[in-house]
Structure formats: structure tokens, C-alpha cells
């Protein structure tokens, strides 16, 4: 029976208890990344090259602004994109 109790409780948590909540900042980072990926369905990263790249970047900034109710700079959006894509290689393709 003790083996069963040990199985149910590991590190002081019951098997049925919820996982520890993450901090608010990491949650918003995850939400931010998810919203960026949603925006990339509308504004594909492949269009970030060439003469229309500024319009695509503006579209991504606007999508994030509408999703979160705050303004995002182009640098912030490019930093987020850099988490998923090698932007230096994208520039070399141009």
C-alpha cells in the first residue's frame, strides 16, 4: 500500500493535482508566439523579402496590436520572427 501512496504523490504533488502554474510573463510570451504564428497564416514570412516587405511587417505589427491591445515596434516583431526563422538567410535570398 505504501508503494501505491508513493505512486500517487511525487515531489509533494498528487497525481490528480494541477501542474504548477507558470509565471505571467512566460504565459504572455507563449501567447505572443501563438498570435505571431496565426498572423503568419495571413502574412507569410516568404513575403518579407522584396519591395513589399514593409507592408508585410506592418501587417504583422497591426495583427499583434489588435490581438493584444498595445503597439508593437518592427524590432519587436523581427525579434519574435527570429525565434522561428533565420532572418539573415532570408535577407541573403534577396
PDB file of N, CA and C in Angstrom:
ATOM      1  N   UNK A   1       0.816  -1.180   0.000  1.00  0.00           N
ATOM      2  CA  UNK A   1       0.000   0.000   0.000  1.00  0.00           C
ATOM      3  C   UNK A   1       0.868   1.256   0.000  1.00  0.00           C
ATOM      4  N   UNK A   2       2.039   1.191   0.647  1.00  0.00           N
ATOM      5  CA  UNK A   2       2.920   2.349   0.657  1.00  0.00           C
ATOM      6  C   UNK A   2       3.431   2.644  -0.741  1.00  0.00           C
ATOM      7  N   UNK A   3       3.677   1.621  -1.533  1.00  0.00           N
ATOM      8  CA  UNK A   3       4.132   1.829  -2.909  1.00  0.00           C
ATOM      9  C   UNK A   3       3.097   2.583  -3.719  1.00  0.00           C
ATOM     10  N   UNK A   4       1.833   2.303  -3.431  1.00  0.00           N
ATOM     11  CA  UNK A   4       0.757   2.991  -4.137  1.00  0.00           C
ATOM     12  C   UNK A   4       0.695   4.461  -3.732  1.00  0.00           C
ATOM     13  N   UNK A   5       0.913   4.752  -2.443  1.00  0.00           N
ATOM     14  CA  UNK A   5       0.934   6.136  -1.972  1.00  0.00           C
ATOM     15  C   UNK A   5       2.081   6.904  -2.609  1.00  0.00           C
ATOM     16  N   UNK A   6       3.228   6.241  -2.724  1.00  0.00           N
ATOM     17  CA  UNK A   6       4.375   6.893  -3.355  1.00  0.00           C
ATOM     18  C   UNK A   6       4.088   7.167  -4.825  1.00  0.00           C
ATOM     19  N   UNK A   7       3.335   6.247  -5.449  1.00  0.00           N
ATOM     20  CA  UNK A   7       2.994   6.426  -6.856  1.00  0.00           C
ATOM     21  C   UNK A   7       2.066   7.620  -7.039  1.00  0.00           C
ATOM     22  N   UNK A   8       1.152   7.808  -6.094  1.00  0.00           N
ATOM     23  CA  UNK A   8       0.200   8.908  -6.203  1.00  0.00           C
ATOM     24  C   UNK A   8       0.843  10.256  -5.925  1.00  0.00           C
ATOM     25  N   UNK A   9       1.811  10.275  -5.043  1.00  0.00           N
ATOM     26  CA  UNK A   9       2.437  11.553  -4.692  1.00  0.00           C
ATOM     27  C   UNK A   9       3.907  11.523  -5.070  1.00  0.00           C
ATOM     28  N   UNK A  10       4.264  12.381  -5.953  1.00  0.00           N
ATOM     29  CA  UNK A  10       5.658  12.545  -6.329  1.00  0.00           C
ATOM     30  C   UNK A  10       5.994  14.012  -6.169  1.00  0.00           C
ATOM     31  N   UNK A  11       7.072  14.289  -5.487  1.00  0.00           N
ATOM     32  CA  UNK A  11       7.511  15.661  -5.236  1.00  0.00           C
ATOM     33  C   UNK A  11       6.437  16.475  -4.523  1.00  0.00           C
ATOM     34  N   UNK A  12       5.638  15.836  -3.679  1.00  0.00           N
ATOM     35  CA  UNK A  12       4.641  16.566  -2.911  1.00  0.00           C
ATOM     36  C   UNK A  12       3.380  16.892  -3.681  1.00  0.00           C
ATOM     37  N   UNK A  13       3.257  16.444  -4.907  1.00  0.00           N
ATOM     38  CA  UNK A  13       2.067  16.723  -5.707  1.00  0.00           C
ATOM     39  C   UNK A  13       1.271  15.449  -5.908  1.00  0.00           C
ATOM     40  N   UNK A  14      -0.006  15.534  -5.778  1.00  0.00           N
ATOM     41  CA  UNK A  14      -0.873  14.409  -6.056  1.00  0.00           C
ATOM     42  C   UNK A  14      -0.948  14.209  -7.561  1.00  0.00           C
ATOM     43  N   UNK A  15      -1.189  13.000  -7.971  1.00  0.00           N
ATOM     44  CA  UNK A  15      -1.322  12.719  -9.396  1.00  0.00           C
ATOM     45  C   UNK A  15      -2.468  13.521  -9.993  1.00  0.00           C
ATOM     46  N   UNK A  16      -3.493  13.788  -9.187  1.00  0.00           N
ATOM     47  CA  UNK A  16      -4.674  14.483  -9.677  1.00  0.00           C
ATOM     48  C   UNK A  16      -4.598  15.997  -9.521  1.00  0.00           C
ATOM     49  N   UNK A  17      -3.545  16.503  -8.890  1.00  0.00           N
ATOM     50  CA  UNK A  17      -3.441  17.953  -8.734  1.00  0.00           C
ATOM     51  C   UNK A  17      -2.939  18.573 -10.030  1.00  0.00           C
ATOM     52  N   UNK A  18      -3.242  19.838 -10.175  1.00  0.00           N
ATOM     53  CA  UNK A  18      -2.827  20.543 -11.377  1.00  0.00           C
ATOM     54  C   UNK A  18      -1.337  20.793 -11.341  1.00  0.00           C
ATOM     55  N   UNK A  19      -0.773  20.943 -12.519  1.00  0.00           N
ATOM     56  CA  UNK A  19       0.640  21.280 -12.621  1.00  0.00           C
ATOM     57  C   UNK A  19       0.845  22.692 -12.089  1.00  0.00           C
ATOM     58  N   UNK A  20       2.024  22.981 -11.588  1.00  0.00           N
ATOM     59  CA  UNK A  20       2.278  24.338 -11.100  1.00  0.00           C
ATOM     60  C   UNK A  20       2.081  25.355 -12.215  1.00  0.00           C
ATOM     61  N   UNK A  21       1.484  26.470 -11.865  1.00  0.00           N
ATOM     62  CA  UNK A  21       1.234  27.485 -12.880  1.00  0.00           C
ATOM     63  C   UNK A  21       2.525  28.189 -13.232  1.00  0.00           C
ATOM     64  N   UNK A  22       2.645  28.562 -14.488  1.00  0.00           N
ATOM     65  CA  UNK A  22       3.833  29.282 -14.921  1.00  0.00           C
ATOM     66  C   UNK A  22       3.654  30.758 -14.618  1.00  0.00           C
ATOM     67  N   UNK A  23       4.731  31.472 -14.697  1.00  0.00           N
ATOM     68  CA  UNK A  23       4.652  32.908 -14.420  1.00  0.00           C
ATOM     69  C   UNK A  23       3.883  33.607 -15.524  1.00  0.00           C
ATOM     70  N   UNK A  24       3.366  34.766 -15.211  1.00  0.00           N
ATOM     71  CA  UNK A  24       2.563  35.519 -16.176  1.00  0.00           C
ATOM     72  C   UNK A  24       3.391  35.938 -17.374  1.00  0.00           C
ATOM     73  N   UNK A  25       4.663  36.241 -17.159  1.00  0.00           N
ATOM     74  CA  UNK A  25       5.491  36.699 -18.275  1.00  0.00           C
ATOM     75  C   UNK A  25       5.722  35.589 -19.286  1.00  0.00           C
ATOM     76  N   UNK A  26       5.921  34.352 -18.820  1.00  0.00           N
ATOM     77  CA  UNK A  26       6.127  33.266 -19.769  1.00  0.00           C
ATOM     78  C   UNK A  26       4.829  32.927 -20.492  1.00  0.00           C
ATOM     79  N   UNK A  27       3.701  33.095 -19.809  1.00  0.00           N
ATOM     80  CA  UNK A  27       2.417  32.840 -20.446  1.00  0.00           C
ATOM     81  C   UNK A  27       2.180  33.841 -21.565  1.00  0.00           C
ATOM     82  N   UNK A  28       2.488  35.098 -21.326  1.00  0.00           N
ATOM     83  CA  UNK A  28       2.294  36.081 -22.381  1.00  0.00           C
ATOM     84  C   UNK A  28       3.269  35.850 -23.523  1.00  0.00           C
ATOM     85  N   UNK A  29       4.455  35.345 -23.237  1.00  0.00           N
ATOM     86  CA  UNK A  29       5.405  35.043 -24.312  1.00  0.00           C
ATOM     87  C   UNK A  29       4.850  33.933 -25.197  1.00  0.00           C
ATOM     88  N   UNK A  30       4.269  32.924 -24.569  1.00  0.00           N
ATOM     89  CA  UNK A  30       3.667  31.832 -25.337  1.00  0.00           C
ATOM     90  C   UNK A  30       2.492  32.356 -26.154  1.00  0.00           C
ATOM     91  N   UNK A  31       1.638  33.169 -25.528  1.00  0.00           N
ATOM     92  CA  UNK A  31       0.504  33.745 -26.258  1.00  0.00           C
ATOM     93  C   UNK A  31       0.985  34.614 -27.412  1.00  0.00           C
ATOM     94  N   UNK A  32       2.038  35.370 -27.169  1.00  0.00           N
ATOM     95  CA  UNK A  32       2.591  36.238 -28.198  1.00  0.00           C
ATOM     96  C   UNK A  32       3.109  35.419 -29.374  1.00  0.00           C
ATOM     97  N   UNK A  33       3.808  34.335 -29.086  1.00  0.00           N
ATOM     98  CA  UNK A  33       4.317  33.477 -30.151  1.00  0.00           C
ATOM     99  C   UNK A  33       3.176  32.820 -30.920  1.00  0.00           C
ATOM    100  N   UNK A  34       2.131  32.400 -30.209  1.00  0.00           N
ATOM    101  CA  UNK A  34       0.983  31.788 -30.886  1.00  0.00           C
ATOM    102  C   UNK A  34       0.268  32.784 -31.798  1.00  0.00           C
ATOM    103  N   UNK A  35       0.095  34.006 -31.324  1.00  0.00           N
ATOM    104  CA  UNK A  35      -0.552  35.043 -32.154  1.00  0.00           C
ATOM    105  C   UNK A  35       0.305  35.377 -33.367  1.00  0.00           C
ATOM    106  N   UNK A  36       1.621  35.375 -33.187  1.00  0.00           N
ATOM    107  CA  UNK A  36       2.506  35.624 -34.327  1.00  0.00           C
ATOM    108  C   UNK A  36       2.354  34.519 -35.368  1.00  0.00           C
ATOM    109  N   UNK A  37       2.278  33.282 -34.912  1.00  0.00           N
ATOM    110  CA  UNK A  37       2.098  32.175 -35.852  1.00  0.00           C
ATOM    111  C   UNK A  37       0.749  32.265 -36.560  1.00  0.00           C
ATOM    112  N   UNK A  38      -0.280  32.731 -35.852  1.00  0.00           N
ATOM    113  CA  UNK A  38      -1.575  32.963 -36.504  1.00  0.00           C
ATOM    114  C   UNK A  38      -1.447  34.040 -37.574  1.00  0.00           C
ATOM    115  N   UNK A  39      -0.720  35.095 -37.258  1.00  0.00           N
ATOM    116  CA  UNK A  39      -0.540  36.194 -38.209  1.00  0.00           C
ATOM    117  C   UNK A  39       0.227  35.733 -39.441  1.00  0.00           C
ATOM    118  N   UNK A  40       1.122  34.771 -39.267  1.00  0.00           N
ATOM    119  CA  UNK A  40       1.905  34.280 -40.404  1.00  0.00           C
ATOM    120  C   UNK A  40       1.053  33.486 -41.391  1.00  0.00           C
ATOM    121  N   UNK A  41      -0.136  33.059 -40.964  1.00  0.00           N
ATOM    122  CA  UNK A  41      -1.059  32.435 -41.912  1.00  0.00           C
ATOM    123  C   UNK A  41      -1.554  33.465 -42.919  1.00  0.00           C
ATOM    124  N   UNK A  42      -1.688  34.705 -42.474  1.00  0.00           N
ATOM    125  CA  UNK A  42      -2.166  35.783 -43.341  1.00  0.00           C
ATOM    126  C   UNK A  42      -1.004  36.445 -44.068  1.00  0.00           C
ATOM    127  N   UNK A  43       0.083  36.660 -43.335  1.00  0.00           N
ATOM    128  CA  UNK A  43       1.258  37.356 -43.869  1.00  0.00           C
ATOM    129  C   UNK A  43       2.448  36.400 -43.837  1.00  0.00           C
ATOM    130  N   UNK A  44       2.640  35.576 -44.873  1.00  0.00           N
ATOM    131  CA  UNK A  44       3.715  34.576 -44.861  1.00  0.00           C
ATOM    132  C   UNK A  44       5.097  35.218 -44.789  1.00  0.00           C
ATOM    133  N   UNK A  45       5.992  34.526 -44.107  1.00  0.00           N
ATOM    134  CA  UNK A  45       7.342  35.047 -43.924  1.00  0.00           C
ATOM    135  C   UNK A  45       8.090  35.145 -45.256  1.00  0.00           C
ATOM    136  N   UNK A  46       7.708  34.349 -46.229  1.00  0.00           N
ATOM    137  CA  UNK A  46       8.363  34.413 -47.538  1.00  0.00           C
ATOM    138  C   UNK A  46       8.154  35.766 -48.205  1.00  0.00           C
ATOM    139  N   UNK A  47       7.090  36.457 -47.838  1.00  0.00           N
ATOM    140  CA  UNK A  47       6.820  37.773 -48.423  1.00  0.00           C
ATOM    141  C   UNK A  47       7.564  38.891 -47.699  1.00  0.00           C
ATOM    142  N   UNK A  48       8.390  38.532 -46.706  1.00  0.00           N
ATOM    143  CA  UNK A  48       9.188  39.536 -46.010  1.00  0.00           C
ATOM    144  C   UNK A  48      10.434  39.918 -46.804  1.00  0.00           C
ATOM    145  N   UNK A  49      10.481  39.530 -48.033  1.00  0.00           N
ATOM    146  CA  UNK A  49      11.595  39.912 -48.886  1.00  0.00           C
ATOM    147  C   UNK A  49      11.049  40.670 -50.087  1.00  0.00           C
ATOM    148  N   UNK A  50      11.902  41.425 -50.694  1.00  0.00           N
ATOM    149  CA  UNK A  50      11.468  42.192 -51.848  1.00  0.00           C
ATOM    150  C   UNK A  50      10.904  43.539 -51.456  1.00  0.00           C
ATOM    151  N   UNK A  51      10.305  44.185 -52.443  1.00  0.00           N
ATOM    152  CA  UNK A  51       9.879  45.558 -52.217  1.00  0.00           C
ATOM    153  C   UNK A  51       8.631  45.685 -51.345  1.00  0.00           C
ATOM    154  N   UNK A  52       7.902  44.606 -51.106  1.00  0.00           N
ATOM    155  CA  UNK A  52       6.682  44.673 -50.296  1.00  0.00           C
ATOM    156  C   UNK A  52       6.904  44.245 -48.848  1.00  0.00           C
ATOM    157  N   UNK A  53       8.138  44.021 -48.440  1.00  0.00           N
ATOM    158  CA  UNK A  53       8.410  43.504 -47.095  1.00  0.00           C
ATOM    159  C   UNK A  53       7.913  44.440 -45.994  1.00  0.00           C
ATOM    160  N   UNK A  54       7.941  45.743 -46.248  1.00  0.00           N
ATOM    161  CA  UNK A  54       7.491  46.689 -45.226  1.00  0.00           C
ATOM    162  C   UNK A  54       5.987  46.574 -44.975  1.00  0.00           C
ATOM    163  N   UNK A  55       5.224  46.272 -46.027  1.00  0.00           N
ATOM    164  CA  UNK A  55       3.780  46.106 -45.866  1.00  0.00           C
ATOM    165  C   UNK A  55       3.464  44.845 -45.065  1.00  0.00           C
ATOM    166  N   UNK A  56       4.227  43.793 -45.302  1.00  0.00           N
ATOM    167  CA  UNK A  56       4.024  42.551 -44.553  1.00  0.00           C
ATOM    168  C   UNK A  56       4.381  42.766 -43.085  1.00  0.00           C
ATOM    169  N   UNK A  57       5.484  43.446 -42.836  1.00  0.00           N
ATOM    170  CA  UNK A  57       5.886  43.736 -41.464  1.00  0.00           C
ATOM    171  C   UNK A  57       4.841  44.607 -40.769  1.00  0.00           C
ATOM    172  N   UNK A  58       4.317  45.585 -41.473  1.00  0.00           N
ATOM    173  CA  UNK A  58       3.263  46.427 -40.905  1.00  0.00           C
ATOM    174  C   UNK A  58       2.015  45.589 -40.606  1.00  0.00           C
ATOM    175  N   UNK A  59       1.674  44.660 -41.497  1.00  0.00           N
ATOM    176  CA  UNK A  59       0.521  43.789 -41.266  1.00  0.00           C
ATOM    177  C   UNK A  59       0.702  42.927 -40.026  1.00  0.00           C
ATOM    178  N   UNK A  60       1.904  42.399 -39.824  1.00  0.00           N
ATOM    179  CA  UNK A  60       2.187  41.610 -38.621  1.00  0.00           C
ATOM    180  C   UNK A  60       2.081  42.475 -37.365  1.00  0.00           C
ATOM    181  N   UNK A  61       2.614  43.696 -37.441  1.00  0.00           N
ATOM    182  CA  UNK A  61       2.532  44.619 -36.303  1.00  0.00           C
ATOM    183  C   UNK A  61       1.076  44.948 -35.978  1.00  0.00           C
ATOM    184  N   UNK A  62       0.271  45.165 -37.002  1.00  0.00           N
ATOM    185  CA  UNK A  62      -1.137  45.506 -36.806  1.00  0.00           C
ATOM    186  C   UNK A  62      -1.918  44.330 -36.226  1.00  0.00           C
ATOM    187  N   UNK A  63      -1.641  43.119 -36.712  1.00  0.00           N
ATOM    188  CA  UNK A  63      -2.315  41.930 -36.197  1.00  0.00           C
ATOM    189  C   UNK A  63      -2.031  41.768 -34.707  1.00  0.00           C
ATOM    190  N   UNK A  64      -0.773  41.922 -34.319  1.00  0.00           N
ATOM    191  CA  UNK A  64      -0.413  41.794 -32.908  1.00  0.00           C
ATOM    192  C   UNK A  64      -1.022  42.922 -32.076  1.00  0.00           C
ATOM    193  N   UNK A  65      -1.074  44.125 -32.638  1.00  0.00           N
ATOM    194  CA  UNK A  65      -1.675  45.255 -31.923  1.00  0.00           C
ATOM    195  C   UNK A  65      -3.151  44.983 -31.640  1.00  0.00           C
ATOM    196  N   UNK A  66      -3.873  44.465 -32.644  1.00  0.00           N
ATOM    197  CA  UNK A  66      -5.294  44.165 -32.449  1.00  0.00           C
ATOM    198  C   UNK A  66      -5.497  43.001 -31.484  1.00  0.00           C
ATOM    199  N   UNK A  67      -4.570  42.049 -31.476  1.00  0.00           N
ATOM    200  CA  UNK A  67      -4.701  40.890 -30.589  1.00  0.00           C
ATOM    201  C   UNK A  67      -4.443  41.228 -29.131  1.00  0.00           C
ATOM    202  N   UNK A  68      -3.491  42.127 -28.881  1.00  0.00           N
ATOM    203  CA  UNK A  68      -3.080  42.406 -27.506  1.00  0.00           C
ATOM    204  C   UNK A  68      -3.439  43.797 -27.015  1.00  0.00           C
ATOM    205  N   UNK A  69      -3.914  44.661 -27.887  1.00  0.00           N
ATOM    206  CA  UNK A  69      -4.312  45.997 -27.468  1.00  0.00           C
ATOM    207  C   UNK A  69      -3.155  46.915 -27.130  1.00  0.00           C
ATOM    208  N   UNK A  70      -1.993  46.636 -27.656  1.00  0.00           N
ATOM    209  CA  UNK A  70      -0.847  47.526 -27.462  1.00  0.00           C
ATOM    210  C   UNK A  70      -0.015  47.538 -28.736  1.00  0.00           C
ATOM    211  N   UNK A  71       0.739  48.604 -28.918  1.00  0.00           N
ATOM    212  CA  UNK A  71       1.559  48.732 -30.123  1.00  0.00           C
ATOM    213  C   UNK A  71       2.814  47.876 -30.019  1.00  0.00           C
ATOM    214  N   UNK A  72       3.229  47.346 -31.163  1.00  0.00           N
ATOM    215  CA  UNK A  72       4.466  46.582 -31.268  1.00  0.00           C
ATOM    216  C   UNK A  72       5.362  47.283 -32.275  1.00  0.00           C
ATOM    217  N   UNK A  73       6.630  47.401 -31.938  1.00  0.00           N
ATOM    218  CA  UNK A  73       7.570  48.013 -32.878  1.00  0.00           C
ATOM    219  C   UNK A  73       8.007  46.965 -33.895  1.00  0.00           C
ATOM    220  N   UNK A  74       8.559  47.431 -34.991  1.00  0.00           N
ATOM    221  CA  UNK A  74       9.047  46.500 -36.006  1.00  0.00           C
ATOM    222  C   UNK A  74      10.187  45.656 -35.448  1.00  0.00           C
ATOM    223  N   UNK A  75      11.000  46.235 -34.567  1.00  0.00           N
ATOM    224  CA  UNK A  75      12.094  45.471 -33.953  1.00  0.00           C
ATOM    225  C   UNK A  75      11.567  44.328 -33.093  1.00  0.00           C
ATOM    226  N   UNK A  76      10.489  44.574 -32.353  1.00  0.00           N
ATOM    227  CA  UNK A  76       9.897  43.520 -31.529  1.00  0.00           C
ATOM    228  C   UNK A  76       9.388  42.378 -32.400  1.00  0.00           C
ATOM    229  N   UNK A  77       8.729  42.721 -33.495  1.00  0.00           N
ATOM    230  CA  UNK A  77       8.186  41.695 -34.390  1.00  0.00           C
ATOM    231  C   UNK A  77       9.321  40.914 -35.040  1.00  0.00           C
ATOM    232  N   UNK A  78      10.363  41.607 -35.452  1.00  0.00           N
ATOM    233  CA  UNK A  78      11.503  40.922 -36.067  1.00  0.00           C
ATOM    234  C   UNK A  78      12.215  40.020 -35.063  1.00  0.00           C
ATOM    235  N   UNK A  79      12.284  40.421 -33.806  1.00  0.00           N
ATOM    236  CA  UNK A  79      12.874  39.561 -32.775  1.00  0.00           C
ATOM    237  C   UNK A  79      12.042  38.301 -32.586  1.00  0.00           C
ATOM    238  N   UNK A  80      10.726  38.452 -32.589  1.00  0.00           N
ATOM    239  CA  UNK A  80       9.857  37.279 -32.471  1.00  0.00           C
ATOM    240  C   UNK A  80      10.026  36.352 -33.665  1.00  0.00           C
ATOM    241  N   UNK A  81      10.091  36.931 -34.849  1.00  0.00           N
ATOM    242  CA  UNK A  81      10.277  36.124 -36.050  1.00  0.00           C
ATOM    243  C   UNK A  81      11.614  35.401 -36.023  1.00  0.00           C
ATOM    244  N   UNK A  82      12.610  36.037 -35.439  1.00  0.00           N
ATOM    245  CA  UNK A  82      13.940  35.444 -35.372  1.00  0.00           C
ATOM    246  C   UNK A  82      13.949  34.191 -34.502  1.00  0.00           C
ATOM    247  N   UNK A  83      12.971  34.054 -33.602  1.00  0.00           N
ATOM    248  CA  UNK A  83      12.861  32.836 -32.793  1.00  0.00           C
ATOM    249  C   UNK A  83      12.503  31.629 -33.654  1.00  0.00           C
ATOM    250  N   UNK A  84      11.777  31.860 -34.737  1.00  0.00           N
ATOM    251  CA  UNK A  84      11.285  30.772 -35.576  1.00  0.00           C
ATOM    252  C   UNK A  84      12.032  30.631 -36.898  1.00  0.00           C
ATOM    253  N   UNK A  85      12.574  31.722 -37.399  1.00  0.00           N
ATOM    254  CA  UNK A  85      13.205  31.729 -38.714  1.00  0.00           C
ATOM    255  C   UNK A  85      14.586  32.360 -38.633  1.00  0.00           C
ATOM    256  N   UNK A  86      15.461  31.942 -39.520  1.00  0.00           N
ATOM    257  CA  UNK A  86      16.775  32.561 -39.653  1.00  0.00           C
ATOM    258  C   UNK A  86      16.624  33.732 -40.615  1.00  0.00           C
ATOM    259  N   UNK A  87      16.413  34.913 -40.077  1.00  0.00           N
ATOM    260  CA  UNK A  87      16.137  36.087 -40.905  1.00  0.00           C
ATOM    261  C   UNK A  87      17.348  36.511 -41.723  1.00  0.00           C
ATOM    262  N   UNK A  88      18.558  36.191 -41.245  1.00  0.00           N
ATOM    263  CA  UNK A  88      19.751  36.523 -42.018  1.00  0.00           C
ATOM    264  C   UNK A  88      19.757  35.771 -43.343  1.00  0.00           C
ATOM    265  N   UNK A  89      19.329  34.528 -43.323  1.00  0.00           N
ATOM    266  CA  UNK A  89      19.269  33.743 -44.562  1.00  0.00           C
ATOM    267  C   UNK A  89      18.197  34.298 -45.490  1.00  0.00           C
ATOM    268  N   UNK A  90      17.124  34.801 -44.929  1.00  0.00           N
ATOM    269  CA  UNK A  90      16.062  35.391 -45.737  1.00  0.00           C
ATOM    270  C   UNK A  90      16.582  36.616 -46.472  1.00  0.00           C
ATOM    271  N   UNK A  91      17.411  37.407 -45.803  1.00  0.00           N
ATOM    272  CA  UNK A  91      17.994  38.594 -46.426  1.00  0.00           C
ATOM    273  C   UNK A  91      18.957  38.185 -47.531  1.00  0.00           C
ATOM    274  N   UNK A  92      19.698  37.094 -47.334  1.00  0.00           N
ATOM    275  CA  UNK A  92      20.651  36.638 -48.343  1.00  0.00           C
ATOM    276  C   UNK A  92      19.958  36.150 -49.605  1.00  0.00           C
ATOM    277  N   UNK A  93      18.733  35.662 -49.475  1.00  0.00           N
ATOM    278  CA  UNK A  93      17.984  35.165 -50.627  1.00  0.00           C
ATOM    279  C   UNK A  93      17.601  36.312 -51.551  1.00  0.00           C
ATOM    280  N   UNK A  94      17.440  37.500 -50.987  1.00  0.00           N
ATOM    281  CA  UNK A  94      17.019  38.663 -51.771  1.00  0.00           C
ATOM    282  C   UNK A  94      18.024  38.971 -52.769  1.00  0.00           C
TER     283      UNK A  94
END
